[in-house]
């Protein structure tokens, strides 16, 4: 793995998705009772920030699995 690859791993590939990801981040933070605001969140702990990121990934995986199940459901016909 080149050093350049690691720095690009968090880049949003589809620019239009950035707003949706930001909305998801704030929605999940609210669900978890974490006071995430736009801008500086230096008062939040690494654990709180990690919860938000972890739940985002969990939710995206669940959505992808549901989409794959729906797409693959009709392939056997």
N, C-alpha and C. Protein backbone atom coordinates (compact mmCIF):
# COMPACT_ATOMS: atom_id res chain seq x y z
N UNK A 1 0.85 -1.17 0.00
CA UNK A 1 0.00 0.00 0.00
C UNK A 1 0.89 1.22 0.00
N UNK A 2 0.64 2.13 -0.94
CA UNK A 2 1.43 3.35 -0.99
C UNK A 2 0.94 4.32 0.07
N UNK A 3 1.80 5.25 0.45
CA UNK A 3 1.40 6.23 1.46
C UNK A 3 0.30 7.13 0.94
N UNK A 4 0.20 7.29 -0.36
CA UNK A 4 -0.84 8.11 -0.95
C UNK A 4 -2.21 7.49 -0.80
N UNK A 5 -2.28 6.15 -0.87
CA UNK A 5 -3.55 5.46 -0.75
C UNK A 5 -4.21 5.71 0.59
N UNK A 6 -3.48 5.67 1.66
CA UNK A 6 -4.03 5.87 2.98
C UNK A 6 -4.67 7.23 3.15
N UNK A 7 -4.07 8.25 2.59
CA UNK A 7 -4.61 9.60 2.74
C UNK A 7 -5.88 9.80 1.92
N UNK A 8 -6.11 8.96 0.92
CA UNK A 8 -7.29 9.09 0.07
C UNK A 8 -8.46 8.25 0.55
N UNK A 9 -8.27 7.44 1.57
CA UNK A 9 -9.29 6.48 1.96
C UNK A 9 -10.57 7.14 2.49
N UNK A 10 -10.50 8.34 3.01
CA UNK A 10 -11.70 8.98 3.55
C UNK A 10 -12.31 9.99 2.58
N UNK A 11 -11.77 10.06 1.38
CA UNK A 11 -12.30 11.00 0.39
C UNK A 11 -13.61 10.46 -0.17
N UNK A 12 -14.60 11.32 -0.31
CA UNK A 12 -15.88 10.96 -0.88
C UNK A 12 -15.71 10.84 -2.38
N UNK A 13 -15.99 9.66 -2.95
CA UNK A 13 -15.79 9.41 -4.37
C UNK A 13 -16.83 10.12 -5.21
N UNK A 14 -18.07 10.15 -4.73
CA UNK A 14 -19.15 10.82 -5.44
C UNK A 14 -19.45 12.12 -4.71
N UNK A 15 -19.07 13.26 -5.30
CA UNK A 15 -19.23 14.54 -4.60
C UNK A 15 -20.66 14.80 -4.11
N UNK A 16 -21.65 14.33 -4.86
CA UNK A 16 -23.04 14.55 -4.46
C UNK A 16 -23.38 13.82 -3.17
N UNK A 17 -22.59 12.83 -2.82
CA UNK A 17 -22.86 12.04 -1.61
C UNK A 17 -22.43 12.77 -0.34
N UNK A 18 -21.59 13.78 -0.46
CA UNK A 18 -21.07 14.47 0.72
C UNK A 18 -22.18 15.02 1.61
N UNK A 19 -23.18 15.66 1.02
CA UNK A 19 -24.29 16.23 1.80
C UNK A 19 -25.07 15.13 2.49
N UNK A 20 -25.31 14.02 1.79
CA UNK A 20 -26.05 12.91 2.38
C UNK A 20 -25.28 12.30 3.55
N UNK A 21 -23.97 12.17 3.41
CA UNK A 21 -23.15 11.63 4.50
C UNK A 21 -23.14 12.58 5.69
N UNK A 22 -23.08 13.87 5.44
CA UNK A 22 -23.12 14.84 6.54
C UNK A 22 -24.46 14.79 7.26
N UNK A 23 -25.54 14.71 6.49
CA UNK A 23 -26.86 14.60 7.11
C UNK A 23 -26.96 13.34 7.96
N UNK A 24 -26.44 12.23 7.44
CA UNK A 24 -26.46 10.97 8.19
C UNK A 24 -25.67 11.10 9.49
N UNK A 25 -24.52 11.77 9.41
CA UNK A 25 -23.66 11.95 10.58
C UNK A 25 -24.40 12.70 11.69
N UNK A 26 -25.06 13.80 11.34
CA UNK A 26 -25.77 14.59 12.35
C UNK A 26 -27.01 13.87 12.87
N UNK A 27 -27.69 13.13 12.00
CA UNK A 27 -28.87 12.36 12.41
C UNK A 27 -28.47 11.27 13.42
N UNK A 28 -27.40 10.57 13.13
CA UNK A 28 -26.94 9.51 14.03
C UNK A 28 -26.47 10.10 15.35
N UNK A 29 -25.77 11.22 15.30
CA UNK A 29 -25.31 11.87 16.53
C UNK A 29 -26.51 12.22 17.41
N UNK A 30 -27.58 12.75 16.79
CA UNK A 30 -28.79 13.08 17.56
C UNK A 30 -29.40 11.82 18.18
N UNK A 31 -29.48 10.73 17.39
CA UNK A 31 -30.03 9.47 17.89
C UNK A 31 -29.25 8.96 19.09
N UNK A 32 -27.93 9.17 19.07
CA UNK A 32 -27.07 8.70 20.15
C UNK A 32 -26.99 9.69 21.31
N UNK A 33 -27.61 10.86 21.15
CA UNK A 33 -27.58 11.86 22.21
C UNK A 33 -26.25 12.60 22.29
N UNK A 34 -25.52 12.64 21.18
CA UNK A 34 -24.23 13.32 21.12
C UNK A 34 -24.43 14.68 20.47
N UNK A 35 -23.93 15.72 21.13
CA UNK A 35 -24.13 17.09 20.66
C UNK A 35 -23.07 17.44 19.61
N UNK A 36 -23.25 16.92 18.41
CA UNK A 36 -22.34 17.17 17.30
C UNK A 36 -22.83 18.40 16.55
N UNK A 37 -21.97 19.37 16.39
CA UNK A 37 -22.31 20.62 15.71
C UNK A 37 -21.41 20.80 14.50
N UNK A 38 -21.83 21.62 13.56
CA UNK A 38 -20.96 21.95 12.44
C UNK A 38 -19.80 22.78 12.98
N UNK A 39 -18.63 22.56 12.43
CA UNK A 39 -17.46 23.30 12.87
C UNK A 39 -16.69 22.55 13.93
N UNK A 40 -16.16 23.28 14.91
CA UNK A 40 -15.30 22.71 15.94
C UNK A 40 -16.10 21.90 16.96
N UNK A 41 -15.70 20.65 17.14
CA UNK A 41 -16.31 19.78 18.14
C UNK A 41 -15.25 19.28 19.11
N UNK A 42 -14.33 20.17 19.47
CA UNK A 42 -13.22 19.81 20.34
C UNK A 42 -13.64 19.35 21.72
N UNK A 43 -14.89 19.64 22.10
CA UNK A 43 -15.36 19.23 23.42
C UNK A 43 -15.83 17.77 23.44
N UNK A 44 -15.93 17.14 22.27
CA UNK A 44 -16.36 15.74 22.21
C UNK A 44 -15.16 14.82 22.39
N UNK A 45 -15.41 13.68 23.02
CA UNK A 45 -14.34 12.72 23.21
C UNK A 45 -14.14 11.89 21.95
N UNK A 46 -13.00 11.25 21.86
CA UNK A 46 -12.73 10.35 20.73
C UNK A 46 -13.76 9.22 20.71
N UNK A 47 -14.17 8.77 21.87
CA UNK A 47 -15.17 7.70 21.96
C UNK A 47 -16.50 8.16 21.36
N UNK A 48 -16.93 9.37 21.69
CA UNK A 48 -18.19 9.88 21.15
C UNK A 48 -18.12 9.99 19.62
N UNK A 49 -17.02 10.55 19.13
CA UNK A 49 -16.84 10.67 17.69
C UNK A 49 -16.78 9.28 17.04
N UNK A 50 -16.15 8.35 17.70
CA UNK A 50 -16.04 6.99 17.18
C UNK A 50 -17.39 6.30 17.10
N UNK A 51 -18.25 6.54 18.08
CA UNK A 51 -19.60 5.97 18.05
C UNK A 51 -20.34 6.44 16.80
N UNK A 52 -20.25 7.73 16.52
CA UNK A 52 -20.95 8.28 15.36
C UNK A 52 -20.43 7.62 14.08
N UNK A 53 -19.12 7.58 13.92
CA UNK A 53 -18.53 6.96 12.73
C UNK A 53 -18.86 5.48 12.62
N UNK A 54 -18.81 4.78 13.74
CA UNK A 54 -19.12 3.36 13.75
C UNK A 54 -20.55 3.07 13.37
N UNK A 55 -21.48 3.86 13.88
CA UNK A 55 -22.89 3.66 13.53
C UNK A 55 -23.16 4.04 12.08
N UNK A 56 -22.42 5.02 11.56
CA UNK A 56 -22.57 5.37 10.14
C UNK A 56 -22.20 4.17 9.28
N UNK A 57 -21.08 3.55 9.58
CA UNK A 57 -20.62 2.39 8.81
C UNK A 57 -21.62 1.25 8.94
N UNK A 58 -22.07 0.99 10.15
CA UNK A 58 -23.03 -0.08 10.38
C UNK A 58 -24.30 0.14 9.56
N UNK A 59 -24.79 1.38 9.53
CA UNK A 59 -26.01 1.71 8.81
C UNK A 59 -25.80 1.58 7.29
N UNK A 60 -24.64 2.02 6.81
CA UNK A 60 -24.36 1.92 5.38
C UNK A 60 -24.23 0.46 4.94
N UNK A 61 -23.62 -0.37 5.77
CA UNK A 61 -23.51 -1.79 5.45
C UNK A 61 -24.89 -2.43 5.39
N UNK A 62 -25.73 -2.11 6.35
CA UNK A 62 -27.08 -2.66 6.38
C UNK A 62 -27.85 -2.25 5.13
N UNK A 63 -27.75 -0.98 4.73
CA UNK A 63 -28.43 -0.50 3.53
C UNK A 63 -27.91 -1.23 2.29
N UNK A 64 -26.60 -1.42 2.19
CA UNK A 64 -26.01 -2.10 1.04
C UNK A 64 -26.48 -3.56 0.99
N UNK A 65 -26.53 -4.21 2.15
CA UNK A 65 -26.99 -5.60 2.20
C UNK A 65 -28.44 -5.70 1.73
N UNK A 66 -29.27 -4.75 2.17
CA UNK A 66 -30.68 -4.76 1.76
C UNK A 66 -30.81 -4.53 0.26
N UNK A 67 -30.01 -3.63 -0.29
CA UNK A 67 -30.04 -3.39 -1.73
C UNK A 67 -29.59 -4.62 -2.51
N UNK A 68 -28.53 -5.26 -2.03
CA UNK A 68 -28.02 -6.45 -2.70
C UNK A 68 -29.04 -7.57 -2.64
N UNK A 69 -29.70 -7.73 -1.52
CA UNK A 69 -30.71 -8.78 -1.38
C UNK A 69 -31.88 -8.50 -2.32
N UNK A 70 -32.26 -7.25 -2.46
CA UNK A 70 -33.35 -6.89 -3.37
C UNK A 70 -32.98 -7.09 -4.82
N UNK A 71 -31.76 -6.78 -5.18
CA UNK A 71 -31.31 -6.92 -6.56
C UNK A 71 -31.12 -8.39 -6.91
N UNK A 72 -30.60 -9.17 -5.97
CA UNK A 72 -30.31 -10.57 -6.23
C UNK A 72 -31.57 -11.41 -6.14
N UNK A 73 -32.61 -10.91 -5.48
CA UNK A 73 -33.82 -11.67 -5.29
C UNK A 73 -34.49 -12.07 -6.59
N UNK A 74 -34.38 -11.23 -7.61
CA UNK A 74 -35.05 -11.53 -8.87
C UNK A 74 -34.14 -12.20 -9.89
N UNK A 75 -32.89 -12.44 -9.56
CA UNK A 75 -31.95 -12.98 -10.53
C UNK A 75 -32.21 -14.45 -10.85
N UNK A 76 -32.84 -15.16 -9.96
CA UNK A 76 -33.06 -16.58 -10.20
C UNK A 76 -34.23 -16.86 -11.10
N UNK A 77 -34.99 -15.87 -11.45
CA UNK A 77 -36.18 -16.07 -12.29
C UNK A 77 -35.83 -16.14 -13.74
